[in-house]
């Protein structure tokens, strides 16, 4: 279980508590964060992120995303990619869902 991020910040309940997410929602959130953050730009974890922003095709984008997530229990498949956004199919523990990632937008 993880805490939900919304517009680059921690999502809170109306009473001010953290909003928790399911395992599949966590997988989608982790995939989106990993895809959007340029590799090496996060000061506390220089291995976080990818270099997807520098590629032009879905196959290379999928390879970079799989490499960045290889220590997790996620399976990802890039379904479409146009340089500014991509659709990724994320699977975890028998559940799967599609996620659209728009580069340059907040998490």
C-alpha atoms as a PDB file:
ATOM      1  CA  UNK A   1       0.000   0.000   0.000  1.00  0.00           C
ATOM      2  CA  UNK A   2       1.222   3.471  -0.857  1.00  0.00           C
ATOM      3  CA  UNK A   3       0.121   7.071  -0.574  1.00  0.00           C
ATOM      4  CA  UNK A   4      -1.594   8.661  -3.558  1.00  0.00           C
ATOM      5  CA  UNK A   5       0.108  11.539  -5.342  1.00  0.00           C
ATOM      6  CA  UNK A   6      -2.051  14.144  -7.045  1.00  0.00           C
ATOM      7  CA  UNK A   7      -0.730  17.085  -9.074  1.00  0.00           C
ATOM      8  CA  UNK A   8       2.771  16.524  -7.710  1.00  0.00           C
ATOM      9  CA  UNK A   9       1.731  16.521  -4.052  1.00  0.00           C
ATOM     10  CA  UNK A  10       0.410  14.057  -1.480  1.00  0.00           C
ATOM     11  CA  UNK A  11      -3.354  13.571  -1.828  1.00  0.00           C
ATOM     12  CA  UNK A  12      -5.230  14.145   1.413  1.00  0.00           C
ATOM     13  CA  UNK A  13      -8.650  13.098   2.632  1.00  0.00           C
ATOM     14  CA  UNK A  14     -11.188  15.817   3.572  1.00  0.00           C
ATOM     15  CA  UNK A  15     -10.098  15.387   7.206  1.00  0.00           C
ATOM     16  CA  UNK A  16      -6.412  15.924   6.314  1.00  0.00           C
ATOM     17  CA  UNK A  17      -5.238  12.291   6.385  1.00  0.00           C
ATOM     18  CA  UNK A  18      -3.311  10.515   3.666  1.00  0.00           C
ATOM     19  CA  UNK A  19      -5.176   8.929   0.757  1.00  0.00           C
ATOM     20  CA  UNK A  20      -4.013   5.332   0.350  1.00  0.00           C
ATOM     21  CA  UNK A  21      -4.143   3.419  -2.922  1.00  0.00           C
ATOM     22  CA  UNK A  22      -4.531  -0.223  -3.940  1.00  0.00           C
ATOM     23  CA  UNK A  23      -1.690  -2.395  -5.229  1.00  0.00           C
ATOM     24  CA  UNK A  24      -2.734  -1.865  -8.858  1.00  0.00           C
ATOM     25  CA  UNK A  25      -3.080   1.896  -8.368  1.00  0.00           C
ATOM     26  CA  UNK A  26       0.387   1.856  -6.776  1.00  0.00           C
ATOM     27  CA  UNK A  27       1.742   0.029  -9.841  1.00  0.00           C
ATOM     28  CA  UNK A  28       0.217   2.634 -12.156  1.00  0.00           C
ATOM     29  CA  UNK A  29       1.572   5.488 -10.037  1.00  0.00           C
ATOM     30  CA  UNK A  30       5.063   3.956  -9.908  1.00  0.00           C
ATOM     31  CA  UNK A  31       5.050   3.454 -13.673  1.00  0.00           C
ATOM     32  CA  UNK A  32       3.976   7.046 -14.300  1.00  0.00           C
ATOM     33  CA  UNK A  33       6.601   8.480 -11.930  1.00  0.00           C
ATOM     34  CA  UNK A  34       9.329   6.325 -13.446  1.00  0.00           C
ATOM     35  CA  UNK A  35       8.356   7.275 -17.004  1.00  0.00           C
ATOM     36  CA  UNK A  36       8.118  11.019 -16.344  1.00  0.00           C
ATOM     37  CA  UNK A  37      11.248  11.622 -14.287  1.00  0.00           C
ATOM     38  CA  UNK A  38      14.447  12.031 -16.322  1.00  0.00           C
ATOM     39  CA  UNK A  39      16.984   9.467 -15.106  1.00  0.00           C
ATOM     40  CA  UNK A  40      19.463  11.003 -12.670  1.00  0.00           C
ATOM     41  CA  UNK A  41      17.404  14.110 -11.913  1.00  0.00           C
ATOM     42  CA  UNK A  42      16.018  13.038  -8.517  1.00  0.00           C
ATOM     43  CA  UNK A  43      18.655  14.012  -5.951  1.00  0.00           C
ATOM     44  CA  UNK A  44      17.768  11.272  -3.435  1.00  0.00           C
ATOM     45  CA  UNK A  45      17.802   8.415  -5.955  1.00  0.00           C
ATOM     46  CA  UNK A  46      19.900   8.984  -9.075  1.00  0.00           C
ATOM     47  CA  UNK A  47      18.759   5.654 -10.601  1.00  0.00           C
ATOM     48  CA  UNK A  48      15.074   6.656 -10.564  1.00  0.00           C
ATOM     49  CA  UNK A  49      13.542   7.537 -13.909  1.00  0.00           C
ATOM     50  CA  UNK A  50      14.164   6.881 -17.590  1.00  0.00           C
ATOM     51  CA  UNK A  51      15.484   8.560 -20.698  1.00  0.00           C
ATOM     52  CA  UNK A  52      12.185   8.090 -22.547  1.00  0.00           C
ATOM     53  CA  UNK A  53      11.993  11.811 -23.317  1.00  0.00           C
ATOM     54  CA  UNK A  54      14.939  11.347 -25.674  1.00  0.00           C
ATOM     55  CA  UNK A  55      13.501   8.512 -27.793  1.00  0.00           C
ATOM     56  CA  UNK A  56      11.179   8.506 -30.782  1.00  0.00           C
ATOM     57  CA  UNK A  57       9.732   4.986 -30.943  1.00  0.00           C
ATOM     58  CA  UNK A  58       7.555   2.716 -28.803  1.00  0.00           C
ATOM     59  CA  UNK A  59       9.974  -0.226 -28.801  1.00  0.00           C
ATOM     60  CA  UNK A  60      12.828   1.810 -27.305  1.00  0.00           C
ATOM     61  CA  UNK A  61      10.452   3.492 -24.833  1.00  0.00           C
ATOM     62  CA  UNK A  62       9.227   0.077 -23.658  1.00  0.00           C
ATOM     63  CA  UNK A  63      12.782  -1.218 -23.306  1.00  0.00           C
ATOM     64  CA  UNK A  64      13.804   1.796 -21.175  1.00  0.00           C
ATOM     65  CA  UNK A  65      10.692   1.528 -19.002  1.00  0.00           C
ATOM     66  CA  UNK A  66      11.160  -2.213 -18.446  1.00  0.00           C
ATOM     67  CA  UNK A  67      14.808  -1.619 -17.549  1.00  0.00           C
ATOM     68  CA  UNK A  68      13.884   1.097 -15.033  1.00  0.00           C
ATOM     69  CA  UNK A  69      11.220  -1.134 -13.427  1.00  0.00           C
ATOM     70  CA  UNK A  70      13.115  -4.435 -13.530  1.00  0.00           C
ATOM     71  CA  UNK A  71      13.512  -4.571  -9.734  1.00  0.00           C
ATOM     72  CA  UNK A  72       9.742  -4.426  -9.294  1.00  0.00           C
ATOM     73  CA  UNK A  73       7.040  -7.047  -9.787  1.00  0.00           C
ATOM     74  CA  UNK A  74       5.463  -5.078 -12.638  1.00  0.00           C
ATOM     75  CA  UNK A  75       5.062  -6.075 -16.246  1.00  0.00           C
ATOM     76  CA  UNK A  76       4.732  -3.126 -18.619  1.00  0.00           C
ATOM     77  CA  UNK A  77       3.947  -2.963 -22.338  1.00  0.00           C
ATOM     78  CA  UNK A  78       3.919   0.258 -24.321  1.00  0.00           C
ATOM     79  CA  UNK A  79       0.801   0.193 -26.488  1.00  0.00           C
ATOM     80  CA  UNK A  80       1.295   3.549 -28.190  1.00  0.00           C
ATOM     81  CA  UNK A  81       3.938   6.268 -28.176  1.00  0.00           C
ATOM     82  CA  UNK A  82       4.192   9.583 -29.995  1.00  0.00           C
ATOM     83  CA  UNK A  83       7.006  11.410 -28.167  1.00  0.00           C
ATOM     84  CA  UNK A  84       4.762  13.615 -26.024  1.00  0.00           C
ATOM     85  CA  UNK A  85       2.579  10.860 -24.569  1.00  0.00           C
ATOM     86  CA  UNK A  86       2.331   7.102 -24.394  1.00  0.00           C
ATOM     87  CA  UNK A  87      -0.157   4.474 -23.332  1.00  0.00           C
ATOM     88  CA  UNK A  88       1.268   1.714 -21.147  1.00  0.00           C
ATOM     89  CA  UNK A  89      -0.390  -1.561 -20.113  1.00  0.00           C
ATOM     90  CA  UNK A  90       0.651  -2.285 -16.511  1.00  0.00           C
ATOM     91  CA  UNK A  91       0.224  -5.746 -14.941  1.00  0.00           C
ATOM     92  CA  UNK A  92       0.742  -6.732 -11.322  1.00  0.00           C
ATOM     93  CA  UNK A  93      -0.412  -9.852  -9.523  1.00  0.00           C
ATOM     94  CA  UNK A  94      -2.860 -10.918 -12.213  1.00  0.00           C
ATOM     95  CA  UNK A  95      -4.470  -7.476 -12.494  1.00  0.00           C
ATOM     96  CA  UNK A  96      -3.809  -5.089 -15.332  1.00  0.00           C
ATOM     97  CA  UNK A  97      -4.849  -1.661 -16.500  1.00  0.00           C
ATOM     98  CA  UNK A  98      -3.826   0.903 -19.103  1.00  0.00           C
ATOM     99  CA  UNK A  99      -2.218   4.181 -18.174  1.00  0.00           C
ATOM    100  CA  UNK A 100      -1.726   7.255 -20.348  1.00  0.00           C
ATOM    101  CA  UNK A 101       1.462   9.170 -19.544  1.00  0.00           C
ATOM    102  CA  UNK A 102       1.791  12.726 -20.842  1.00  0.00           C
ATOM    103  CA  UNK A 103       5.334  14.025 -20.672  1.00  0.00           C
ATOM    104  CA  UNK A 104       5.793  17.502 -19.234  1.00  0.00           C
ATOM    105  CA  UNK A 105       2.608  17.240 -17.125  1.00  0.00           C
ATOM    106  CA  UNK A 106       2.481  17.015 -13.326  1.00  0.00           C
ATOM    107  CA  UNK A 107       2.229  13.657 -11.620  1.00  0.00           C
END
